[in-house]
């Protein structure tokens, strides 16, 4: 069986609950190195710099990108997002399992660089439930919500490019966590997998 560390990528449409999943995994002390994404968007209420995201100015983000310091990056709804490379490589070199969240395009970029990464698509039970969730969280304007919803169909079509799909339904977060845990356990029991490619 492979003893190499895992690189687990959680992805899916905006508003599907990726941040909630990561936070719950942290609370349960899952044995992962949790990556922190860099972004140029302003913090939402309760978010902490360095824990939830690295909140950077556009100039800081661009400088990091130009230095090759991002594993993947994308402009999403007018804001830049990216996963800093150095902490991921350092954790993998220490033999730690790494988990990150990213958008669908970012997951595709990770797959290209790291063929042995485990890609998990987090999906809503329905498009209608996702729309309800986006409106209820009240962090975006009506115009921003419409832009996000217009992209949902495209994002949902990317599910075929992932290794696993997990439904995250309202009020059933721990069921989603159990599924992610089962996937990680299964991956650890695999006889072989493609080389990770990053280390």
C-alpha atoms as a PDB file:
ATOM      1  CA  UNK A   1       0.000   0.000   0.000  1.00  0.00           C
ATOM      2  CA  UNK A   2       1.141   3.556  -0.696  1.00  0.00           C
ATOM      3  CA  UNK A   3       2.492   5.433   2.314  1.00  0.00           C
ATOM      4  CA  UNK A   4       2.998   8.662   0.393  1.00  0.00           C
ATOM      5  CA  UNK A   5       1.163  11.727   1.692  1.00  0.00           C
ATOM      6  CA  UNK A   6      -2.130  12.670   0.073  1.00  0.00           C
ATOM      7  CA  UNK A   7      -2.941  15.935  -1.631  1.00  0.00           C
ATOM      8  CA  UNK A   8      -6.728  16.266  -1.336  1.00  0.00           C
ATOM      9  CA  UNK A   9      -8.501  18.980  -3.307  1.00  0.00           C
ATOM     10  CA  UNK A  10     -12.059  20.026  -2.419  1.00  0.00           C
ATOM     11  CA  UNK A  11     -13.825  21.877  -5.190  1.00  0.00           C
ATOM     12  CA  UNK A  12     -17.286  22.667  -6.498  1.00  0.00           C
ATOM     13  CA  UNK A  13     -19.568  25.600  -7.279  1.00  0.00           C
ATOM     14  CA  UNK A  14     -19.483  28.845  -5.341  1.00  0.00           C
ATOM     15  CA  UNK A  15     -21.634  28.654  -2.223  1.00  0.00           C
ATOM     16  CA  UNK A  16     -21.621  24.860  -1.994  1.00  0.00           C
ATOM     17  CA  UNK A  17     -19.978  24.924   1.441  1.00  0.00           C
ATOM     18  CA  UNK A  18     -16.275  24.269   0.854  1.00  0.00           C
ATOM     19  CA  UNK A  19     -15.254  26.679   3.614  1.00  0.00           C
ATOM     20  CA  UNK A  20     -17.702  25.067   6.061  1.00  0.00           C
ATOM     21  CA  UNK A  21     -16.273  21.637   5.320  1.00  0.00           C
ATOM     22  CA  UNK A  22     -12.715  22.803   5.901  1.00  0.00           C
ATOM     23  CA  UNK A  23     -13.696  24.523   9.154  1.00  0.00           C
ATOM     24  CA  UNK A  24     -15.470  21.402  10.414  1.00  0.00           C
ATOM     25  CA  UNK A  25     -12.466  19.219   9.544  1.00  0.00           C
ATOM     26  CA  UNK A  26     -10.296  21.628  11.540  1.00  0.00           C
ATOM     27  CA  UNK A  27     -12.650  21.450  14.523  1.00  0.00           C
ATOM     28  CA  UNK A  28     -12.491  17.658  14.425  1.00  0.00           C
ATOM     29  CA  UNK A  29      -8.660  17.787  14.346  1.00  0.00           C
ATOM     30  CA  UNK A  30      -8.327  15.792  11.140  1.00  0.00           C
ATOM     31  CA  UNK A  31      -4.658  14.923  10.501  1.00  0.00           C
ATOM     32  CA  UNK A  32      -4.150  17.322   7.607  1.00  0.00           C
ATOM     33  CA  UNK A  33      -2.084  20.319   6.773  1.00  0.00           C
ATOM     34  CA  UNK A  34      -4.820  22.819   5.904  1.00  0.00           C
ATOM     35  CA  UNK A  35      -3.752  25.175   3.145  1.00  0.00           C
ATOM     36  CA  UNK A  36      -4.687  28.827   3.384  1.00  0.00           C
ATOM     37  CA  UNK A  37      -5.740  30.466   0.129  1.00  0.00           C
ATOM     38  CA  UNK A  38      -4.569  33.956  -0.797  1.00  0.00           C
ATOM     39  CA  UNK A  39      -7.208  36.363  -2.082  1.00  0.00           C
ATOM     40  CA  UNK A  40      -7.703  39.986  -2.996  1.00  0.00           C
ATOM     41  CA  UNK A  41     -11.295  40.045  -1.765  1.00  0.00           C
ATOM     42  CA  UNK A  42     -12.019  41.803   1.534  1.00  0.00           C
ATOM     43  CA  UNK A  43     -12.608  39.670   4.637  1.00  0.00           C
ATOM     44  CA  UNK A  44     -16.161  38.680   5.504  1.00  0.00           C
ATOM     45  CA  UNK A  45     -17.430  39.059   9.040  1.00  0.00           C
ATOM     46  CA  UNK A  46     -15.575  36.721  11.395  1.00  0.00           C
ATOM     47  CA  UNK A  47     -12.816  35.804   8.950  1.00  0.00           C
ATOM     48  CA  UNK A  48      -9.243  36.008  10.235  1.00  0.00           C
ATOM     49  CA  UNK A  49      -6.199  36.799   8.093  1.00  0.00           C
ATOM     50  CA  UNK A  50      -3.821  33.852   7.967  1.00  0.00           C
ATOM     51  CA  UNK A  51      -6.434  31.390   9.202  1.00  0.00           C
ATOM     52  CA  UNK A  52      -9.320  31.662   6.748  1.00  0.00           C
ATOM     53  CA  UNK A  53      -7.449  33.386   3.920  1.00  0.00           C
ATOM     54  CA  UNK A  54      -4.377  35.497   3.321  1.00  0.00           C
ATOM     55  CA  UNK A  55      -5.982  38.830   2.479  1.00  0.00           C
ATOM     56  CA  UNK A  56      -3.655  40.569   0.014  1.00  0.00           C
ATOM     57  CA  UNK A  57      -3.776  43.747  -2.008  1.00  0.00           C
ATOM     58  CA  UNK A  58      -3.849  43.257  -5.793  1.00  0.00           C
ATOM     59  CA  UNK A  59      -0.192  44.388  -5.956  1.00  0.00           C
ATOM     60  CA  UNK A  60       0.862  41.892  -3.268  1.00  0.00           C
ATOM     61  CA  UNK A  61      -0.999  39.091  -5.024  1.00  0.00           C
ATOM     62  CA  UNK A  62       0.533  39.910  -8.402  1.00  0.00           C
ATOM     63  CA  UNK A  63       4.035  40.028  -6.901  1.00  0.00           C
ATOM     64  CA  UNK A  64       3.525  36.580  -5.365  1.00  0.00           C
ATOM     65  CA  UNK A  65       2.254  35.234  -8.682  1.00  0.00           C
ATOM     66  CA  UNK A  66       5.184  36.657 -10.654  1.00  0.00           C
ATOM     67  CA  UNK A  67       7.655  35.023  -8.232  1.00  0.00           C
ATOM     68  CA  UNK A  68       6.078  31.640  -9.028  1.00  0.00           C
ATOM     69  CA  UNK A  69       4.754  31.518  -5.496  1.00  0.00           C
ATOM     70  CA  UNK A  70       1.284  30.195  -6.350  1.00  0.00           C
ATOM     71  CA  UNK A  71       0.427  26.572  -7.025  1.00  0.00           C
ATOM     72  CA  UNK A  72      -2.701  27.691  -8.856  1.00  0.00           C
ATOM     73  CA  UNK A  73      -4.508  30.969  -9.268  1.00  0.00           C
ATOM     74  CA  UNK A  74      -7.602  32.373 -10.912  1.00  0.00           C
ATOM     75  CA  UNK A  75      -9.714  35.496 -11.120  1.00  0.00           C
ATOM     76  CA  UNK A  76     -13.151  34.645  -9.755  1.00  0.00           C
ATOM     77  CA  UNK A  77     -15.978  37.187  -9.841  1.00  0.00           C
ATOM     78  CA  UNK A  78     -13.482  40.023 -10.128  1.00  0.00           C
ATOM     79  CA  UNK A  79     -11.236  38.883  -7.252  1.00  0.00           C
ATOM     80  CA  UNK A  80      -7.962  36.969  -7.407  1.00  0.00           C
ATOM     81  CA  UNK A  81      -7.511  33.686  -5.554  1.00  0.00           C
ATOM     82  CA  UNK A  82      -4.507  31.381  -5.348  1.00  0.00           C
ATOM     83  CA  UNK A  83      -2.872  28.654  -3.264  1.00  0.00           C
ATOM     84  CA  UNK A  84       0.634  29.583  -2.046  1.00  0.00           C
ATOM     85  CA  UNK A  85       3.100  26.940  -3.231  1.00  0.00           C
ATOM     86  CA  UNK A  86       5.745  26.903  -0.469  1.00  0.00           C
ATOM     87  CA  UNK A  87       3.559  25.760   2.488  1.00  0.00           C
ATOM     88  CA  UNK A  88       2.075  22.903   0.420  1.00  0.00           C
ATOM     89  CA  UNK A  89       5.469  21.603  -0.701  1.00  0.00           C
ATOM     90  CA  UNK A  90       6.875  21.908   2.825  1.00  0.00           C
ATOM     91  CA  UNK A  91       3.983  19.931   4.338  1.00  0.00           C
ATOM     92  CA  UNK A  92       4.222  17.176   1.715  1.00  0.00           C
ATOM     93  CA  UNK A  93       7.993  16.964   2.250  1.00  0.00           C
ATOM     94  CA  UNK A  94       7.308  16.400   5.960  1.00  0.00           C
ATOM     95  CA  UNK A  95       5.038  13.493   5.002  1.00  0.00           C
ATOM     96  CA  UNK A  96       1.833  15.332   5.992  1.00  0.00           C
ATOM     97  CA  UNK A  97      -1.447  14.892   4.160  1.00  0.00           C
ATOM     98  CA  UNK A  98      -2.527  18.203   2.639  1.00  0.00           C
ATOM     99  CA  UNK A  99      -6.082  19.382   2.006  1.00  0.00           C
ATOM    100  CA  UNK A 100      -7.070  22.473   0.076  1.00  0.00           C
ATOM    101  CA  UNK A 101     -10.162  24.105  -1.318  1.00  0.00           C
ATOM    102  CA  UNK A 102     -10.227  25.711  -4.720  1.00  0.00           C
ATOM    103  CA  UNK A 103     -12.578  26.533  -7.543  1.00  0.00           C
ATOM    104  CA  UNK A 104     -13.167  24.141 -10.444  1.00  0.00           C
ATOM    105  CA  UNK A 105     -10.535  25.760 -12.661  1.00  0.00           C
ATOM    106  CA  UNK A 106      -8.010  25.592  -9.840  1.00  0.00           C
ATOM    107  CA  UNK A 107      -8.690  21.895  -9.333  1.00  0.00           C
ATOM    108  CA  UNK A 108      -7.987  21.265 -13.024  1.00  0.00           C
ATOM    109  CA  UNK A 109      -4.695  23.131 -12.684  1.00  0.00           C
ATOM    110  CA  UNK A 110      -3.715  21.049  -9.640  1.00  0.00           C
ATOM    111  CA  UNK A 111      -4.534  17.826 -11.515  1.00  0.00           C
ATOM    112  CA  UNK A 112      -2.173  18.864 -14.323  1.00  0.00           C
ATOM    113  CA  UNK A 113       0.690  19.546 -11.906  1.00  0.00           C
ATOM    114  CA  UNK A 114      -0.067  16.698  -9.496  1.00  0.00           C
ATOM    115  CA  UNK A 115      -1.582  13.670 -11.288  1.00  0.00           C
ATOM    116  CA  UNK A 116      -1.708  11.764  -7.998  1.00  0.00           C
ATOM    117  CA  UNK A 117      -3.864  14.355  -6.222  1.00  0.00           C
ATOM    118  CA  UNK A 118      -7.288  13.226  -4.998  1.00  0.00           C
ATOM    119  CA  UNK A 119     -10.000  15.512  -6.377  1.00  0.00           C
ATOM    120  CA  UNK A 120     -13.335  15.639  -4.538  1.00  0.00           C
ATOM    121  CA  UNK A 121     -16.249  17.520  -6.090  1.00  0.00           C
ATOM    122  CA  UNK A 122     -18.621  18.990  -3.508  1.00  0.00           C
ATOM    123  CA  UNK A 123     -22.065  19.236  -5.059  1.00  0.00           C
ATOM    124  CA  UNK A 124     -25.366  20.702  -3.878  1.00  0.00           C
ATOM    125  CA  UNK A 125     -28.439  18.434  -3.731  1.00  0.00           C
ATOM    126  CA  UNK A 126     -29.953  20.658  -6.440  1.00  0.00           C
ATOM    127  CA  UNK A 127     -29.343  23.935  -8.228  1.00  0.00           C
ATOM    128  CA  UNK A 128     -32.351  25.399  -6.414  1.00  0.00           C
ATOM    129  CA  UNK A 129     -30.898  24.573  -3.007  1.00  0.00           C
ATOM    130  CA  UNK A 130     -27.614  26.194  -4.004  1.00  0.00           C
ATOM    131  CA  UNK A 131     -29.424  29.360  -5.103  1.00  0.00           C
ATOM    132  CA  UNK A 132     -31.257  29.429  -1.772  1.00  0.00           C
ATOM    133  CA  UNK A 133     -27.973  29.039   0.109  1.00  0.00           C
ATOM    134  CA  UNK A 134     -26.285  31.844  -1.843  1.00  0.00           C
ATOM    135  CA  UNK A 135     -29.155  34.220  -1.163  1.00  0.00           C
ATOM    136  CA  UNK A 136     -29.408  33.292   2.509  1.00  0.00           C
ATOM    137  CA  UNK A 137     -25.768  33.900   3.386  1.00  0.00           C
ATOM    138  CA  UNK A 138     -26.161  37.602   2.451  1.00  0.00           C
ATOM    139  CA  UNK A 139     -22.510  38.183   1.548  1.00  0.00           C
ATOM    140  CA  UNK A 140     -23.090  39.125  -2.103  1.00  0.00           C
ATOM    141  CA  UNK A 141     -25.215  41.672  -3.908  1.00  0.00           C
ATOM    142  CA  UNK A 142     -28.155  40.543  -6.054  1.00  0.00           C
ATOM    143  CA  UNK A 143     -26.038  41.190  -9.145  1.00  0.00           C
ATOM    144  CA  UNK A 144     -23.143  39.099  -7.809  1.00  0.00           C
ATOM    145  CA  UNK A 145     -25.511  36.240  -6.974  1.00  0.00           C
ATOM    146  CA  UNK A 146     -26.855  36.249 -10.533  1.00  0.00           C
ATOM    147  CA  UNK A 147     -23.301  36.102 -11.908  1.00  0.00           C
ATOM    148  CA  UNK A 148     -22.494  33.176  -9.612  1.00  0.00           C
ATOM    149  CA  UNK A 149     -25.657  31.300 -10.575  1.00  0.00           C
ATOM    150  CA  UNK A 150     -24.937  31.781 -14.277  1.00  0.00           C
ATOM    151  CA  UNK A 151     -21.616  29.981 -13.767  1.00  0.00           C
ATOM    152  CA  UNK A 152     -23.067  27.112 -11.729  1.00  0.00           C
ATOM    153  CA  UNK A 153     -24.152  25.029 -14.736  1.00  0.00           C
ATOM    154  CA  UNK A 154     -20.656  25.203 -16.221  1.00  0.00           C
ATOM    155  CA  UNK A 155     -19.082  24.303 -12.885  1.00  0.00           C
ATOM    156  CA  UNK A 156     -21.454  21.377 -12.324  1.00  0.00           C
ATOM    157  CA  UNK A 157     -20.524  19.950 -15.715  1.00  0.00           C
ATOM    158  CA  UNK A 158     -16.917  19.564 -14.525  1.00  0.00           C
ATOM    159  CA  UNK A 159     -17.884  16.783 -12.108  1.00  0.00           C
ATOM    160  CA  UNK A 160     -16.758  14.171 -14.656  1.00  0.00           C
ATOM    161  CA  UNK A 161     -13.144  15.322 -14.222  1.00  0.00           C
ATOM    162  CA  UNK A 162     -13.077  14.491 -10.495  1.00  0.00           C
ATOM    163  CA  UNK A 163     -12.316  11.274  -8.620  1.00  0.00           C
ATOM    164  CA  UNK A 164     -15.222  11.507  -6.178  1.00  0.00           C
ATOM    165  CA  UNK A 165     -18.443  13.471  -5.685  1.00  0.00           C
ATOM    166  CA  UNK A 166     -19.929  14.287  -2.286  1.00  0.00           C
ATOM    167  CA  UNK A 167     -23.308  15.948  -1.700  1.00  0.00           C
ATOM    168  CA  UNK A 168     -23.314  18.732   0.886  1.00  0.00           C
ATOM    169  CA  UNK A 169     -26.924  19.232   1.938  1.00  0.00           C
ATOM    170  CA  UNK A 170     -28.165  21.939   4.304  1.00  0.00           C
ATOM    171  CA  UNK A 171     -28.108  20.749   7.904  1.00  0.00           C
ATOM    172  CA  UNK A 172     -26.188  17.555   7.041  1.00  0.00           C
ATOM    173  CA  UNK A 173     -22.626  18.786   7.135  1.00  0.00           C
ATOM    174  CA  UNK A 174     -21.398  15.865   9.245  1.00  0.00           C
ATOM    175  CA  UNK A 175     -22.654  13.412   6.593  1.00  0.00           C
ATOM    176  CA  UNK A 176     -20.449  15.252   4.129  1.00  0.00           C
ATOM    177  CA  UNK A 177     -17.508  15.105   6.558  1.00  0.00           C
ATOM    178  CA  UNK A 178     -18.030  11.339   6.975  1.00  0.00           C
ATOM    179  CA  UNK A 179     -17.900  10.895   3.206  1.00  0.00           C
ATOM    180  CA  UNK A 180     -14.672  12.907   2.908  1.00  0.00           C
ATOM    181  CA  UNK A 181     -13.184  10.842   5.745  1.00  0.00           C
ATOM    182  CA  UNK A 182     -14.175   7.602   3.985  1.00  0.00           C
ATOM    183  CA  UNK A 183     -12.531   8.790   0.767  1.00  0.00           C
ATOM    184  CA  UNK A 184      -9.295   9.634   2.569  1.00  0.00           C
ATOM    185  CA  UNK A 185      -9.269   6.237   4.280  1.00  0.00           C
ATOM    186  CA  UNK A 186      -9.889   4.491   0.960  1.00  0.00           C
ATOM    187  CA  UNK A 187      -7.109   6.436  -0.739  1.00  0.00           C
ATOM    188  CA  UNK A 188      -4.709   5.479   2.048  1.00  0.00           C
ATOM    189  CA  UNK A 189      -5.553   1.811   1.393  1.00  0.00           C
ATOM    190  CA  UNK A 190      -4.918   1.955  -2.343  1.00  0.00           C
ATOM    191  CA  UNK A 191      -2.301  -0.466  -3.583  1.00  0.00           C
ATOM    192  CA  UNK A 192      -0.921   2.194  -5.928  1.00  0.00           C
ATOM    193  CA  UNK A 193      -1.703   5.624  -7.302  1.00  0.00           C
ATOM    194  CA  UNK A 194      -0.042   7.898  -9.862  1.00  0.00           C
ATOM    195  CA  UNK A 195       2.969   9.787  -8.483  1.00  0.00           C
ATOM    196  CA  UNK A 196       1.900  13.018  -6.843  1.00  0.00           C
ATOM    197  CA  UNK A 197       4.183  14.972  -9.099  1.00  0.00           C
ATOM    198  CA  UNK A 198       4.940  17.901  -6.798  1.00  0.00           C
ATOM    199  CA  UNK A 199       7.684  16.332  -4.672  1.00  0.00           C
END
